Amino acid sequence: MDREARKTDKQNPKQAICASCGKEVVEGEYIEYQGRILCADCYLAELEENVDIGAQDSCGAG
């Protein structure tokens, strides 16, 4: 019975919707990040934004 369940899961990948852009994605095409589901493009944009903020914080004056 367990084998059948795993086989069914592989045949029917899980689907989700990106929390940022609303794009429908299937399992393997999305990332769960900080409790949200993001497509690969939005995840990369989020990472770039966090890097930019981190760079600003470390370059503060005085």
PDB file of N, CA and C in Angstrom:
ATOM      1  N   MET A   1       0.829  -1.198   0.000  1.00  0.00           N
ATOM      2  CA  MET A   1       0.000   0.000   0.000  1.00  0.00           C
ATOM      3  C   MET A   1       0.869   1.256   0.000  1.00  0.00           C
ATOM      4  N   ASP A   2       1.948   1.242   0.776  1.00  0.00           N
ATOM      5  CA  ASP A   2       2.829   2.397   0.856  1.00  0.00           C
ATOM      6  C   ASP A   2       3.491   2.670  -0.496  1.00  0.00           C
ATOM      7  N   ARG A   3       3.851   1.626  -1.215  1.00  0.00           N
ATOM      8  CA  ARG A   3       4.451   1.795  -2.542  1.00  0.00           C
ATOM      9  C   ARG A   3       3.483   2.491  -3.496  1.00  0.00           C
ATOM     10  N   GLU A   4       2.235   2.105  -3.433  1.00  0.00           N
ATOM     11  CA  GLU A   4       1.229   2.711  -4.307  1.00  0.00           C
ATOM     12  C   GLU A   4       1.066   4.199  -4.008  1.00  0.00           C
ATOM     13  N   ALA A   5       1.105   4.552  -2.737  1.00  0.00           N
ATOM     14  CA  ALA A   5       0.970   5.961  -2.349  1.00  0.00           C
ATOM     15  C   ALA A   5       2.147   6.775  -2.876  1.00  0.00           C
ATOM     16  N   ARG A   6       3.357   6.243  -2.744  1.00  0.00           N
ATOM     17  CA  ARG A   6       4.531   6.953  -3.251  1.00  0.00           C
ATOM     18  C   ARG A   6       4.488   7.075  -4.772  1.00  0.00           C
ATOM     19  N   LYS A   7       4.044   6.018  -5.436  1.00  0.00           N
ATOM     20  CA  LYS A   7       3.948   6.044  -6.893  1.00  0.00           C
ATOM     21  C   LYS A   7       2.944   7.107  -7.339  1.00  0.00           C
ATOM     22  N   THR A   8       1.826   7.201  -6.647  1.00  0.00           N
ATOM     23  CA  THR A   8       0.812   8.203  -6.965  1.00  0.00           C
ATOM     24  C   THR A   8       1.362   9.605  -6.750  1.00  0.00           C
ATOM     25  N   ASP A   9       2.125   9.818  -5.667  1.00  0.00           N
ATOM     26  CA  ASP A   9       2.727  11.127  -5.407  1.00  0.00           C
ATOM     27  C   ASP A   9       3.668  11.531  -6.538  1.00  0.00           C
ATOM     28  N   LYS A  10       4.427  10.572  -7.053  1.00  0.00           N
ATOM     29  CA  LYS A  10       5.359  10.882  -8.135  1.00  0.00           C
ATOM     30  C   LYS A  10       4.616  11.200  -9.426  1.00  0.00           C
ATOM     31  N   GLN A  11       3.508  10.537  -9.653  1.00  0.00           N
ATOM     32  CA  GLN A  11       2.744  10.769 -10.872  1.00  0.00           C
ATOM     33  C   GLN A  11       1.965  12.077 -10.809  1.00  0.00           C
ATOM     34  N   ASN A  12       1.577  12.495  -9.640  1.00  0.00           N
ATOM     35  CA  ASN A  12       0.803  13.725  -9.457  1.00  0.00           C
ATOM     36  C   ASN A  12       1.593  14.689  -8.580  1.00  0.00           C
ATOM     37  N   PRO A  13       2.522  15.447  -9.162  1.00  0.00           N
ATOM     38  CA  PRO A  13       3.319  16.361  -8.344  1.00  0.00           C
ATOM     39  C   PRO A  13       2.438  17.416  -7.677  1.00  0.00           C
ATOM     40  N   LYS A  14       2.879  17.859  -6.516  1.00  0.00           N
ATOM     41  CA  LYS A  14       2.132  18.880  -5.779  1.00  0.00           C
ATOM     42  C   LYS A  14       2.222  20.211  -6.512  1.00  0.00           C
ATOM     43  N   GLN A  15       1.127  20.944  -6.499  1.00  0.00           N
ATOM     44  CA  GLN A  15       1.089  22.252  -7.134  1.00  0.00           C
ATOM     45  C   GLN A  15       0.923  23.321  -6.070  1.00  0.00           C
ATOM     46  N   ALA A  16       1.457  24.494  -6.355  1.00  0.00           N
ATOM     47  CA  ALA A  16       1.354  25.617  -5.431  1.00  0.00           C
ATOM     48  C   ALA A  16       1.310  26.905  -6.242  1.00  0.00           C
ATOM     49  N   ILE A  17       1.045  27.997  -5.558  1.00  0.00           N
ATOM     50  CA  ILE A  17       1.013  29.315  -6.190  1.00  0.00           C
ATOM     51  C   ILE A  17       2.025  30.202  -5.481  1.00  0.00           C
ATOM     52  N   CYS A  18       2.847  30.873  -6.262  1.00  0.00           N
ATOM     53  CA  CYS A  18       3.869  31.765  -5.721  1.00  0.00           C
ATOM     54  C   CYS A  18       3.196  32.888  -4.937  1.00  0.00           C
ATOM     55  N   ALA A  19       3.679  33.124  -3.726  1.00  0.00           N
ATOM     56  CA  ALA A  19       3.099  34.150  -2.861  1.00  0.00           C
ATOM     57  C   ALA A  19       3.410  35.558  -3.363  1.00  0.00           C
ATOM     58  N   SER A  20       4.436  35.693  -4.180  1.00  0.00           N
ATOM     59  CA  SER A  20       4.833  37.012  -4.641  1.00  0.00           C
ATOM     60  C   SER A  20       4.174  37.402  -5.965  1.00  0.00           C
ATOM     61  N   CYS A  21       4.256  36.518  -6.968  1.00  0.00           N
ATOM     62  CA  CYS A  21       3.745  36.882  -8.295  1.00  0.00           C
ATOM     63  C   CYS A  21       2.460  36.166  -8.688  1.00  0.00           C
ATOM     64  N   GLY A  22       2.066  35.129  -7.946  1.00  0.00           N
ATOM     65  CA  GLY A  22       0.834  34.416  -8.238  1.00  0.00           C
ATOM     66  C   GLY A  22       0.953  33.339  -9.302  1.00  0.00           C
ATOM     67  N   LYS A  23       2.173  33.072  -9.750  1.00  0.00           N
ATOM     68  CA  LYS A  23       2.402  32.057 -10.778  1.00  0.00           C
ATOM     69  C   LYS A  23       2.171  30.660 -10.210  1.00  0.00           C
ATOM     70  N   GLU A  24       1.512  29.791 -10.987  1.00  0.00           N
ATOM     71  CA  GLU A  24       1.273  28.417 -10.552  1.00  0.00           C
ATOM     72  C   GLU A  24       2.519  27.589 -10.852  1.00  0.00           C
ATOM     73  N   VAL A  25       3.024  26.893  -9.842  1.00  0.00           N
ATOM     74  CA  VAL A  25       4.236  26.085  -9.987  1.00  0.00           C
ATOM     75  C   VAL A  25       3.995  24.691  -9.437  1.00  0.00           C
ATOM     76  N   VAL A  26       4.761  23.730  -9.931  1.00  0.00           N
ATOM     77  CA  VAL A  26       4.660  22.357  -9.443  1.00  0.00           C
ATOM     78  C   VAL A  26       5.865  22.055  -8.569  1.00  0.00           C
ATOM     79  N   GLU A  27       5.752  20.994  -7.797  1.00  0.00           N
ATOM     80  CA  GLU A  27       6.821  20.595  -6.892  1.00  0.00           C
ATOM     81  C   GLU A  27       8.127  20.475  -7.669  1.00  0.00           C
ATOM     82  N   GLY A  28       9.190  21.021  -7.115  1.00  0.00           N
ATOM     83  CA  GLY A  28      10.477  21.033  -7.782  1.00  0.00           C
ATOM     84  C   GLY A  28      10.758  22.359  -8.464  1.00  0.00           C
ATOM     85  N   GLU A  29       9.731  23.176  -8.664  1.00  0.00           N
ATOM     86  CA  GLU A  29       9.886  24.485  -9.294  1.00  0.00           C
ATOM     87  C   GLU A  29       9.679  25.626  -8.303  1.00  0.00           C
ATOM     88  N   TYR A  30       9.438  25.297  -7.046  1.00  0.00           N
ATOM     89  CA  TYR A  30       9.228  26.349  -6.054  1.00  0.00           C
ATOM     90  C   TYR A  30      10.079  26.094  -4.815  1.00  0.00           C
ATOM     91  N   ILE A  31      10.256  27.140  -4.031  1.00  0.00           N
ATOM     92  CA  ILE A  31      11.058  27.095  -2.814  1.00  0.00           C
ATOM     93  C   ILE A  31      10.211  27.636  -1.677  1.00  0.00           C
ATOM     94  N   GLU A  32      10.223  26.935  -0.549  1.00  0.00           N
ATOM     95  CA  GLU A  32       9.565  27.454   0.646  1.00  0.00           C
ATOM     96  C   GLU A  32      10.594  28.306   1.378  1.00  0.00           C
ATOM     97  N   TYR A  33      10.312  29.599   1.497  1.00  0.00           N
ATOM     98  CA  TYR A  33      11.259  30.548   2.066  1.00  0.00           C
ATOM     99  C   TYR A  33      10.532  31.433   3.069  1.00  0.00           C
ATOM    100  N   GLN A  34      10.982  31.409   4.303  1.00  0.00           N
ATOM    101  CA  GLN A  34      10.393  32.196   5.389  1.00  0.00           C
ATOM    102  C   GLN A  34       8.884  31.993   5.477  1.00  0.00           C
ATOM    103  N   GLY A  35       8.455  30.741   5.355  1.00  0.00           N
ATOM    104  CA  GLY A  35       7.047  30.403   5.489  1.00  0.00           C
ATOM    105  C   GLY A  35       6.192  30.712   4.274  1.00  0.00           C
ATOM    106  N   ARG A  36       6.807  31.134   3.182  1.00  0.00           N
ATOM    107  CA  ARG A  36       6.079  31.442   1.950  1.00  0.00           C
ATOM    108  C   ARG A  36       6.582  30.545   0.829  1.00  0.00           C
ATOM    109  N   ILE A  37       5.737  30.309  -0.145  1.00  0.00           N
ATOM    110  CA  ILE A  37       6.125  29.550  -1.332  1.00  0.00           C
ATOM    111  C   ILE A  37       6.429  30.550  -2.434  1.00  0.00           C
ATOM    112  N   LEU A  38       7.643  30.458  -2.990  1.00  0.00           N
ATOM    113  CA  LEU A  38       8.070  31.369  -4.044  1.00  0.00           C
ATOM    114  C   LEU A  38       8.547  30.586  -5.258  1.00  0.00           C
ATOM    115  N   CYS A  39       8.257  31.103  -6.455  1.00  0.00           N
ATOM    116  CA  CYS A  39       8.823  30.505  -7.662  1.00  0.00           C
ATOM    117  C   CYS A  39      10.315  30.859  -7.684  1.00  0.00           C
ATOM    118  N   ALA A  40      11.060  30.216  -8.547  1.00  0.00           N
ATOM    119  CA  ALA A  40      12.509  30.416  -8.587  1.00  0.00           C
ATOM    120  C   ALA A  40      12.871  31.875  -8.857  1.00  0.00           C
ATOM    121  N   ASP A  41      12.150  32.532  -9.770  1.00  0.00           N
ATOM    122  CA  ASP A  41      12.452  33.924 -10.107  1.00  0.00           C
ATOM    123  C   ASP A  41      12.251  34.854  -8.911  1.00  0.00           C
ATOM    124  N   CYS A  42      11.136  34.689  -8.204  1.00  0.00           N
ATOM    125  CA  CYS A  42      10.852  35.540  -7.046  1.00  0.00           C
ATOM    126  C   CYS A  42      11.825  35.251  -5.907  1.00  0.00           C
ATOM    127  N   TYR A  43      12.225  33.989  -5.767  1.00  0.00           N
ATOM    128  CA  TYR A  43      13.189  33.627  -4.730  1.00  0.00           C
ATOM    129  C   TYR A  43      14.525  34.319  -4.990  1.00  0.00           C
ATOM    130  N   LEU A  44      14.978  34.302  -6.231  1.00  0.00           N
ATOM    131  CA  LEU A  44      16.234  34.973  -6.563  1.00  0.00           C
ATOM    132  C   LEU A  44      16.140  36.475  -6.330  1.00  0.00           C
ATOM    133  N   ALA A  45      15.014  37.069  -6.688  1.00  0.00           N
ATOM    134  CA  ALA A  45      14.818  38.503  -6.463  1.00  0.00           C
ATOM    135  C   ALA A  45      14.848  38.818  -4.974  1.00  0.00           C
ATOM    136  N   GLU A  46      14.236  37.950  -4.175  1.00  0.00           N
ATOM    137  CA  GLU A  46      14.213  38.142  -2.721  1.00  0.00           C
ATOM    138  C   GLU A  46      15.632  38.054  -2.148  1.00  0.00           C
ATOM    139  N   LEU A  47      16.411  37.095  -2.633  1.00  0.00           N
ATOM    140  CA  LEU A  47      17.790  36.960  -2.166  1.00  0.00           C
ATOM    141  C   LEU A  47      18.616  38.186  -2.533  1.00  0.00           C
ATOM    142  N   GLU A  48      18.469  38.668  -3.762  1.00  0.00           N
ATOM    143  CA  GLU A  48      19.205  39.857  -4.187  1.00  0.00           C
ATOM    144  C   GLU A  48      18.833  41.059  -3.334  1.00  0.00           C
ATOM    145  N   GLU A  49      17.556  41.194  -3.016  1.00  0.00           N
ATOM    146  CA  GLU A  49      17.090  42.303  -2.185  1.00  0.00           C
ATOM    147  C   GLU A  49      17.715  42.215  -0.793  1.00  0.00           C
ATOM    148  N   ASN A  50      17.764  41.017  -0.225  1.00  0.00           N
ATOM    149  CA  ASN A  50      18.345  40.841   1.103  1.00  0.00           C
ATOM    150  C   ASN A  50      19.837  41.115   1.096  1.00  0.00           C
ATOM    151  N   VAL A  51      20.531  40.768   0.024  1.00  0.00           N
ATOM    152  CA  VAL A  51      21.957  41.046  -0.084  1.00  0.00           C
ATOM    153  C   VAL A  51      22.177  42.546  -0.164  1.00  0.00           C
ATOM    154  N   ASP A  52      21.351  43.245  -0.946  1.00  0.00           N
ATOM    155  CA  ASP A  52      21.467  44.698  -1.066  1.00  0.00           C
ATOM    156  C   ASP A  52      21.248  45.377   0.282  1.00  0.00           C
ATOM    157  N   ILE A  53      20.258  44.936   1.028  1.00  0.00           N
ATOM    158  CA  ILE A  53      19.984  45.511   2.347  1.00  0.00           C
ATOM    159  C   ILE A  53      21.144  45.228   3.291  1.00  0.00           C
ATOM    160  N   GLY A  54      21.690  44.026   3.235  1.00  0.00           N
ATOM    161  CA  GLY A  54      22.827  43.669   4.080  1.00  0.00           C
ATOM    162  C   GLY A  54      24.041  44.520   3.764  1.00  0.00           C
ATOM    163  N   ALA A  55      24.266  44.817   2.503  1.00  0.00           N
ATOM    164  CA  ALA A  55      25.396  45.651   2.107  1.00  0.00           C
ATOM    165  C   ALA A  55      25.210  47.070   2.627  1.00  0.00           C
ATOM    166  N   GLN A  56      23.986  47.585   2.597  1.00  0.00           N
ATOM    167  CA  GLN A  56      23.720  48.927   3.104  1.00  0.00           C
ATOM    168  C   GLN A  56      23.936  48.986   4.610  1.00  0.00           C
ATOM    169  N   ASP A  57      23.514  47.955   5.327  1.00  0.00           N
ATOM    170  CA  ASP A  57      23.665  47.935   6.778  1.00  0.00           C
ATOM    171  C   ASP A  57      25.128  47.923   7.190  1.00  0.00           C
ATOM    172  N   SER A  58      25.959  47.204   6.455  1.00  0.00           N
ATOM    173  CA  SER A  58      27.358  47.078   6.856  1.00  0.00           C
ATOM    174  C   SER A  58      28.193  48.276   6.423  1.00  0.00           C
ATOM    175  N   CYS A  59      27.673  49.134   5.570  1.00  0.00           N
ATOM    176  CA  CYS A  59      28.419  50.285   5.077  1.00  0.00           C
ATOM    177  C   CYS A  59      27.945  51.584   5.720  1.00  0.00           C
ATOM    178  N   GLY A  60      27.337  51.487   6.876  1.00  0.00           N
ATOM    179  CA  GLY A  60      26.801  52.670   7.536  1.00  0.00           C
ATOM    180  C   GLY A  60      27.890  53.646   7.952  1.00  0.00           C
ATOM    181  N   ALA A  61      27.527  54.897   8.024  1.00  0.00           N
ATOM    182  CA  ALA A  61      28.490  55.929   8.418  1.00  0.00           C
ATOM    183  C   ALA A  61      28.621  55.977   9.930  1.00  0.00           C
ATOM    184  N   GLY A  62      29.836  56.149  10.357  1.00  0.00           N
ATOM    185  CA  GLY A  62      30.200  56.429  11.695  1.00  0.00           C
ATOM    186  C   GLY A  62      29.808  55.682  12.814  1.00  0.00           C
TER     187      GLY A  62
END
